[in-house]
């Protein structure tokens, strides 16, 4: 199994359970590892044969930026389903953080794995 990854993708969105959180935009941070086989892309040097991390990033930036969730857990599940279904990824590990949510912590959030390991 090879891994294509995206680290530190930050997007402003509406997230949170408190009334004041529903009125502002906050940053969420995405770290994503996606299973793939890079051999065909390496042999051909053709972007069409890759898991294009720019396309994945653009899709997630658009989705997260336009969405409103109460919980990071719900957002994480939705992101995972987008990546699995739209980009034909068999397995992923996603870390979704909400920096600044707890004043004494650098970051808080969830880490999930979905799909079948190759």
C-alpha atoms as a PDB file:
ATOM      1  CA  UNK A   1       0.000   0.000   0.000  1.00  0.00           C
ATOM      2  CA  UNK A   2       1.293   3.411  -0.947  1.00  0.00           C
ATOM      3  CA  UNK A   3       0.092   6.600   0.720  1.00  0.00           C
ATOM      4  CA  UNK A   4      -0.717   9.958  -0.801  1.00  0.00           C
ATOM      5  CA  UNK A   5      -1.097  12.534   1.944  1.00  0.00           C
ATOM      6  CA  UNK A   6      -2.276  16.050   2.637  1.00  0.00           C
ATOM      7  CA  UNK A   7      -1.137  17.720   5.855  1.00  0.00           C
ATOM      8  CA  UNK A   8      -2.193  20.947   7.483  1.00  0.00           C
ATOM      9  CA  UNK A   9      -5.031  21.837   5.120  1.00  0.00           C
ATOM     10  CA  UNK A  10      -6.751  24.734   6.891  1.00  0.00           C
ATOM     11  CA  UNK A  11     -10.244  25.904   5.987  1.00  0.00           C
ATOM     12  CA  UNK A  12     -12.568  28.461   7.573  1.00  0.00           C
ATOM     13  CA  UNK A  13     -16.051  27.116   8.318  1.00  0.00           C
ATOM     14  CA  UNK A  14     -19.000  27.234  10.686  1.00  0.00           C
ATOM     15  CA  UNK A  15     -18.482  24.524  13.299  1.00  0.00           C
ATOM     16  CA  UNK A  16     -19.614  24.147  16.875  1.00  0.00           C
ATOM     17  CA  UNK A  17     -22.514  23.608  19.228  1.00  0.00           C
ATOM     18  CA  UNK A  18     -22.626  26.981  20.963  1.00  0.00           C
ATOM     19  CA  UNK A  19     -24.730  29.867  19.681  1.00  0.00           C
ATOM     20  CA  UNK A  20     -21.694  32.129  19.321  1.00  0.00           C
ATOM     21  CA  UNK A  21     -19.950  29.448  17.208  1.00  0.00           C
ATOM     22  CA  UNK A  22     -22.876  29.430  14.786  1.00  0.00           C
ATOM     23  CA  UNK A  23     -22.292  33.129  14.106  1.00  0.00           C
ATOM     24  CA  UNK A  24     -18.576  33.037  13.251  1.00  0.00           C
ATOM     25  CA  UNK A  25     -16.191  31.109  11.033  1.00  0.00           C
ATOM     26  CA  UNK A  26     -13.487  29.028  12.668  1.00  0.00           C
ATOM     27  CA  UNK A  27     -10.474  27.217  11.282  1.00  0.00           C
ATOM     28  CA  UNK A  28     -10.423  23.459  10.965  1.00  0.00           C
ATOM     29  CA  UNK A  29      -7.240  21.584  10.067  1.00  0.00           C
ATOM     30  CA  UNK A  30      -7.222  18.415   7.957  1.00  0.00           C
ATOM     31  CA  UNK A  31      -4.467  15.821   7.801  1.00  0.00           C
ATOM     32  CA  UNK A  32      -5.307  13.034   5.377  1.00  0.00           C
ATOM     33  CA  UNK A  33      -3.576   9.806   4.351  1.00  0.00           C
ATOM     34  CA  UNK A  34      -5.047   7.925   1.384  1.00  0.00           C
ATOM     35  CA  UNK A  35      -4.161   4.434   0.205  1.00  0.00           C
ATOM     36  CA  UNK A  36      -3.262   4.117  -3.451  1.00  0.00           C
ATOM     37  CA  UNK A  37      -0.857   2.357  -5.790  1.00  0.00           C
ATOM     38  CA  UNK A  38       1.582   4.856  -7.296  1.00  0.00           C
ATOM     39  CA  UNK A  39       3.361   2.445  -9.679  1.00  0.00           C
ATOM     40  CA  UNK A  40       1.372   3.310 -12.813  1.00  0.00           C
ATOM     41  CA  UNK A  41       1.783   7.040 -12.203  1.00  0.00           C
ATOM     42  CA  UNK A  42       5.503   6.595 -11.540  1.00  0.00           C
ATOM     43  CA  UNK A  43       5.992   4.593 -14.737  1.00  0.00           C
ATOM     44  CA  UNK A  44       3.966   6.920 -16.966  1.00  0.00           C
ATOM     45  CA  UNK A  45       4.599  10.277 -15.247  1.00  0.00           C
ATOM     46  CA  UNK A  46       1.019  11.096 -16.238  1.00  0.00           C
ATOM     47  CA  UNK A  47      -1.168  13.037 -13.783  1.00  0.00           C
ATOM     48  CA  UNK A  48      -4.186  11.063 -15.035  1.00  0.00           C
ATOM     49  CA  UNK A  49      -2.711   7.976 -13.366  1.00  0.00           C
ATOM     50  CA  UNK A  50      -2.350   9.560  -9.941  1.00  0.00           C
ATOM     51  CA  UNK A  51      -4.471  10.182  -6.908  1.00  0.00           C
ATOM     52  CA  UNK A  52      -4.329  13.925  -7.473  1.00  0.00           C
ATOM     53  CA  UNK A  53      -3.843  15.567  -4.067  1.00  0.00           C
ATOM     54  CA  UNK A  54      -4.639  18.994  -5.541  1.00  0.00           C
ATOM     55  CA  UNK A  55      -8.032  17.797  -6.767  1.00  0.00           C
ATOM     56  CA  UNK A  56      -8.745  16.205  -3.384  1.00  0.00           C
ATOM     57  CA  UNK A  57      -7.650  19.386  -1.589  1.00  0.00           C
ATOM     58  CA  UNK A  58      -9.769  21.625  -3.829  1.00  0.00           C
ATOM     59  CA  UNK A  59     -12.830  19.434  -3.265  1.00  0.00           C
ATOM     60  CA  UNK A  60     -12.363  19.439   0.510  1.00  0.00           C
ATOM     61  CA  UNK A  61     -11.729  23.199   0.665  1.00  0.00           C
ATOM     62  CA  UNK A  62     -14.973  23.783  -1.234  1.00  0.00           C
ATOM     63  CA  UNK A  63     -16.997  21.307   0.832  1.00  0.00           C
ATOM     64  CA  UNK A  64     -15.723  22.402   4.235  1.00  0.00           C
ATOM     65  CA  UNK A  65     -15.911  26.096   3.412  1.00  0.00           C
ATOM     66  CA  UNK A  66     -19.553  25.838   2.361  1.00  0.00           C
ATOM     67  CA  UNK A  67     -20.686  23.506   5.148  1.00  0.00           C
ATOM     68  CA  UNK A  68     -21.991  24.056   8.657  1.00  0.00           C
ATOM     69  CA  UNK A  69     -21.660  21.296  11.261  1.00  0.00           C
ATOM     70  CA  UNK A  70     -22.257  21.057  14.970  1.00  0.00           C
ATOM     71  CA  UNK A  71     -19.628  18.369  15.594  1.00  0.00           C
ATOM     72  CA  UNK A  72     -16.180  17.616  14.173  1.00  0.00           C
ATOM     73  CA  UNK A  73     -17.219  13.945  14.228  1.00  0.00           C
ATOM     74  CA  UNK A  74     -19.951  14.591  11.670  1.00  0.00           C
ATOM     75  CA  UNK A  75     -17.666  16.669   9.482  1.00  0.00           C
ATOM     76  CA  UNK A  76     -14.978  13.962   9.611  1.00  0.00           C
ATOM     77  CA  UNK A  77     -17.442  11.280   8.483  1.00  0.00           C
ATOM     78  CA  UNK A  78     -18.662  13.443   5.599  1.00  0.00           C
ATOM     79  CA  UNK A  79     -15.110  14.206   4.467  1.00  0.00           C
ATOM     80  CA  UNK A  80     -14.206  10.513   4.607  1.00  0.00           C
ATOM     81  CA  UNK A  81     -17.194   9.578   2.455  1.00  0.00           C
ATOM     82  CA  UNK A  82     -16.308  12.200  -0.149  1.00  0.00           C
ATOM     83  CA  UNK A  83     -12.747  10.933  -0.443  1.00  0.00           C
ATOM     84  CA  UNK A  84     -13.690   7.246  -0.475  1.00  0.00           C
ATOM     85  CA  UNK A  85     -16.500   7.630  -3.002  1.00  0.00           C
ATOM     86  CA  UNK A  86     -15.394  10.431  -5.302  1.00  0.00           C
ATOM     87  CA  UNK A  87     -11.701   9.602  -5.519  1.00  0.00           C
ATOM     88  CA  UNK A  88     -11.919   5.807  -5.460  1.00  0.00           C
ATOM     89  CA  UNK A  89      -9.728   5.517  -2.372  1.00  0.00           C
ATOM     90  CA  UNK A  90      -9.931   2.094  -0.676  1.00  0.00           C
ATOM     91  CA  UNK A  91      -8.669   3.263   2.740  1.00  0.00           C
ATOM     92  CA  UNK A  92      -7.940   6.527   4.512  1.00  0.00           C
ATOM     93  CA  UNK A  93      -6.850   7.956   7.834  1.00  0.00           C
ATOM     94  CA  UNK A  94      -8.222  11.408   8.569  1.00  0.00           C
ATOM     95  CA  UNK A  95      -7.298  13.764  11.380  1.00  0.00           C
ATOM     96  CA  UNK A  96      -9.671  16.679  11.754  1.00  0.00           C
ATOM     97  CA  UNK A  97      -8.639  19.323  14.257  1.00  0.00           C
ATOM     98  CA  UNK A  98     -10.258  22.422  15.632  1.00  0.00           C
ATOM     99  CA  UNK A  99      -7.320  24.571  16.773  1.00  0.00           C
ATOM    100  CA  UNK A 100      -8.187  27.037  19.484  1.00  0.00           C
ATOM    101  CA  UNK A 101     -11.293  25.181  20.669  1.00  0.00           C
ATOM    102  CA  UNK A 102      -9.675  24.514  24.042  1.00  0.00           C
ATOM    103  CA  UNK A 103      -7.590  27.479  25.202  1.00  0.00           C
ATOM    104  CA  UNK A 104      -4.972  25.323  26.953  1.00  0.00           C
ATOM    105  CA  UNK A 105      -4.478  23.008  23.945  1.00  0.00           C
ATOM    106  CA  UNK A 106      -2.862  23.617  20.577  1.00  0.00           C
ATOM    107  CA  UNK A 107      -5.470  21.493  18.838  1.00  0.00           C
ATOM    108  CA  UNK A 108      -8.334  19.088  19.548  1.00  0.00           C
ATOM    109  CA  UNK A 109     -10.298  16.841  17.222  1.00  0.00           C
ATOM    110  CA  UNK A 110     -10.731  13.315  15.941  1.00  0.00           C
ATOM    111  CA  UNK A 111      -8.749  10.722  14.007  1.00  0.00           C
ATOM    112  CA  UNK A 112     -10.699   8.167  11.986  1.00  0.00           C
ATOM    113  CA  UNK A 113      -9.827   5.338   9.626  1.00  0.00           C
ATOM    114  CA  UNK A 114     -12.263   4.141   6.997  1.00  0.00           C
ATOM    115  CA  UNK A 115     -12.172   1.536   4.249  1.00  0.00           C
ATOM    116  CA  UNK A 116     -10.090  -1.576   3.707  1.00  0.00           C
ATOM    117  CA  UNK A 117      -6.334  -1.568   4.121  1.00  0.00           C
ATOM    118  CA  UNK A 118      -4.571  -2.772   0.999  1.00  0.00           C
END
